[in-house]
Amino acid sequence: MLNNPTQPEEGVMATLNVNGREISATEIGPVTHVFSSIGVFAVKARHHGFYSSDQLVIFKEPSIKGDPAVYCACCQVKSIQLNRQPITEVTRGQEVGVKTNCVLLPPNNAQVFLVTN
């Protein structure tokens, strides 16, 4: 769950509590589409880029304040594709397909964060 959730601006760090462990992270952007048949989701890198070796936290806030998180997972990036071509680096502004080691795929509009600690 997010501690003191705010709309992060570019370069603003967030502190996330994932399974009782505090994690420093930078927001990348939202999940824009889920491809469940191939276990991949698309993310729009609005705020920050990332690499194919990075660790991500994906978080979907509850629709009602006080409810537990709808989705929260810490995942390792396995591969990234841009226009169906493999890449190793995502830059700000790109929308890419991401495959991770997460068993459950995130919902649309979940926020993707880059773990920085």
Protein backbone atom coordinates (compact mmCIF):
# COMPACT_ATOMS: atom_id res chain seq x y z
CA MET A 1 0.00 0.00 0.00
CA LEU A 2 1.13 3.54 -0.58
CA ASN A 3 2.03 5.62 2.44
CA ASN A 4 0.51 9.11 2.07
CA PRO A 5 -0.55 8.59 -1.54
CA THR A 6 -0.05 11.63 -3.74
CA GLN A 7 0.15 12.23 -7.45
CA PRO A 8 3.93 11.94 -7.93
CA GLU A 9 5.59 14.47 -10.20
CA GLU A 10 8.58 13.64 -12.34
CA GLY A 11 11.50 12.55 -10.16
CA VAL A 12 9.42 12.38 -6.95
CA MET A 13 10.06 9.31 -4.85
CA ALA A 14 7.29 7.32 -3.20
CA THR A 15 7.55 5.09 -0.14
CA LEU A 16 5.64 1.85 -0.62
CA ASN A 17 4.82 -0.75 2.02
CA VAL A 18 4.81 -4.15 0.33
CA ASN A 19 4.11 -7.07 2.65
CA GLY A 20 5.45 -5.15 5.65
CA ARG A 21 8.65 -4.06 3.87
CA GLU A 22 9.20 -0.38 3.08
CA ILE A 23 10.44 0.20 -0.45
CA SER A 24 11.65 3.44 -2.04
CA ALA A 25 10.40 3.75 -5.59
CA THR A 26 9.90 6.18 -8.45
CA GLU A 27 6.68 6.20 -10.44
CA ILE A 28 7.00 5.04 -14.05
CA GLY A 29 3.39 5.26 -15.23
CA PRO A 30 0.13 3.34 -15.60
CA VAL A 31 -0.69 -0.09 -16.95
CA THR A 32 -2.55 0.68 -20.18
CA HIS A 33 -3.51 -2.81 -21.35
CA VAL A 34 -3.31 -6.41 -20.17
CA PHE A 35 -2.65 -9.28 -22.59
CA SER A 36 -3.68 -12.19 -20.37
CA SER A 37 -3.32 -14.87 -23.07
CA ILE A 38 0.45 -14.23 -23.28
CA GLY A 39 1.08 -13.02 -19.71
CA VAL A 40 2.14 -9.50 -20.68
CA PHE A 41 0.98 -6.00 -19.79
CA ALA A 42 1.58 -2.64 -21.45
CA VAL A 43 2.90 0.30 -19.47
CA LYS A 44 3.20 3.95 -20.51
CA ALA A 45 6.47 5.35 -19.13
CA ARG A 46 5.15 8.84 -18.36
CA HIS A 47 7.47 9.76 -15.50
CA HIS A 48 10.56 7.56 -15.64
CA GLY A 49 12.25 4.86 -17.74
CA PHE A 50 13.55 1.43 -16.69
CA TYR A 51 15.71 -1.51 -17.80
CA SER A 52 14.99 -5.17 -18.50
CA SER A 53 16.88 -6.14 -15.31
CA ASP A 54 14.92 -3.83 -12.97
CA GLN A 55 12.51 -4.67 -10.17
CA LEU A 56 9.05 -3.12 -10.28
CA VAL A 57 6.25 -2.60 -7.78
CA ILE A 58 2.78 -2.50 -9.30
CA PHE A 59 0.01 -0.97 -7.23
CA LYS A 60 -3.70 -0.37 -7.79
CA GLU A 61 -5.31 1.86 -5.18
CA PRO A 62 -8.72 0.95 -3.79
CA SER A 63 -11.74 2.79 -5.10
CA ILE A 64 -13.00 3.39 -1.53
CA LYS A 65 -10.66 5.05 0.97
CA GLY A 66 -9.65 2.67 3.77
CA ASP A 67 -10.08 -0.53 1.74
CA PRO A 68 -7.00 -2.68 1.23
CA ALA A 69 -5.11 -2.37 -2.05
CA VAL A 70 -6.85 -3.92 -5.01
CA TYR A 71 -3.50 -5.14 -6.37
CA CYS A 72 0.05 -4.91 -5.06
CA ALA A 73 3.01 -6.93 -6.32
CA CYS A 74 6.78 -6.74 -6.44
CA CYS A 75 8.01 -8.18 -9.76
CA GLN A 76 11.24 -8.73 -11.66
CA VAL A 77 11.22 -7.66 -15.32
CA LYS A 78 11.91 -10.64 -17.59
CA SER A 79 11.56 -8.98 -21.00
CA ILE A 80 10.40 -5.79 -22.71
CA GLN A 81 9.11 -5.21 -26.24
CA LEU A 82 8.50 -2.05 -28.24
CA ASN A 83 6.54 -2.57 -31.47
CA ARG A 84 7.04 -6.36 -31.10
CA GLN A 85 10.83 -5.97 -31.00
CA PRO A 86 12.84 -6.86 -27.87
CA ILE A 87 14.54 -3.95 -26.10
CA THR A 88 16.55 -3.64 -22.87
CA GLU A 89 15.86 0.00 -21.97
CA VAL A 90 12.62 2.00 -21.77
CA THR A 91 12.81 5.77 -21.96
CA ARG A 92 10.28 8.26 -20.70
CA GLY A 93 7.35 8.60 -23.13
CA GLN A 94 7.46 5.07 -24.56
CA GLU A 95 4.61 2.57 -24.25
CA VAL A 96 5.97 -0.97 -24.04
CA GLY A 97 4.94 -4.55 -23.40
CA VAL A 98 6.42 -6.01 -20.22
CA LYS A 99 6.72 -9.62 -19.10
CA THR A 100 7.56 -10.17 -15.42
CA ASN A 101 7.81 -13.06 -12.99
CA CYS A 102 4.45 -12.11 -11.41
CA VAL A 103 1.90 -14.91 -11.35
CA LEU A 104 -1.09 -12.56 -11.46
CA LEU A 105 -1.18 -9.81 -14.05
CA PRO A 106 -2.00 -6.28 -12.85
CA PRO A 107 -5.32 -4.62 -13.66
CA ASN A 108 -5.61 -1.77 -16.14
CA ASN A 109 -4.71 1.63 -14.66
CA ALA A 110 -2.51 0.12 -11.93
CA GLN A 111 0.53 2.32 -11.26
CA VAL A 112 3.99 0.91 -12.01
CA PHE A 113 6.94 1.98 -9.85
CA LEU A 114 10.68 1.38 -10.21
CA VAL A 115 12.28 0.02 -7.02
CA THR A 116 15.24 2.23 -6.08
CA ASN A 117 16.50 0.53 -2.90
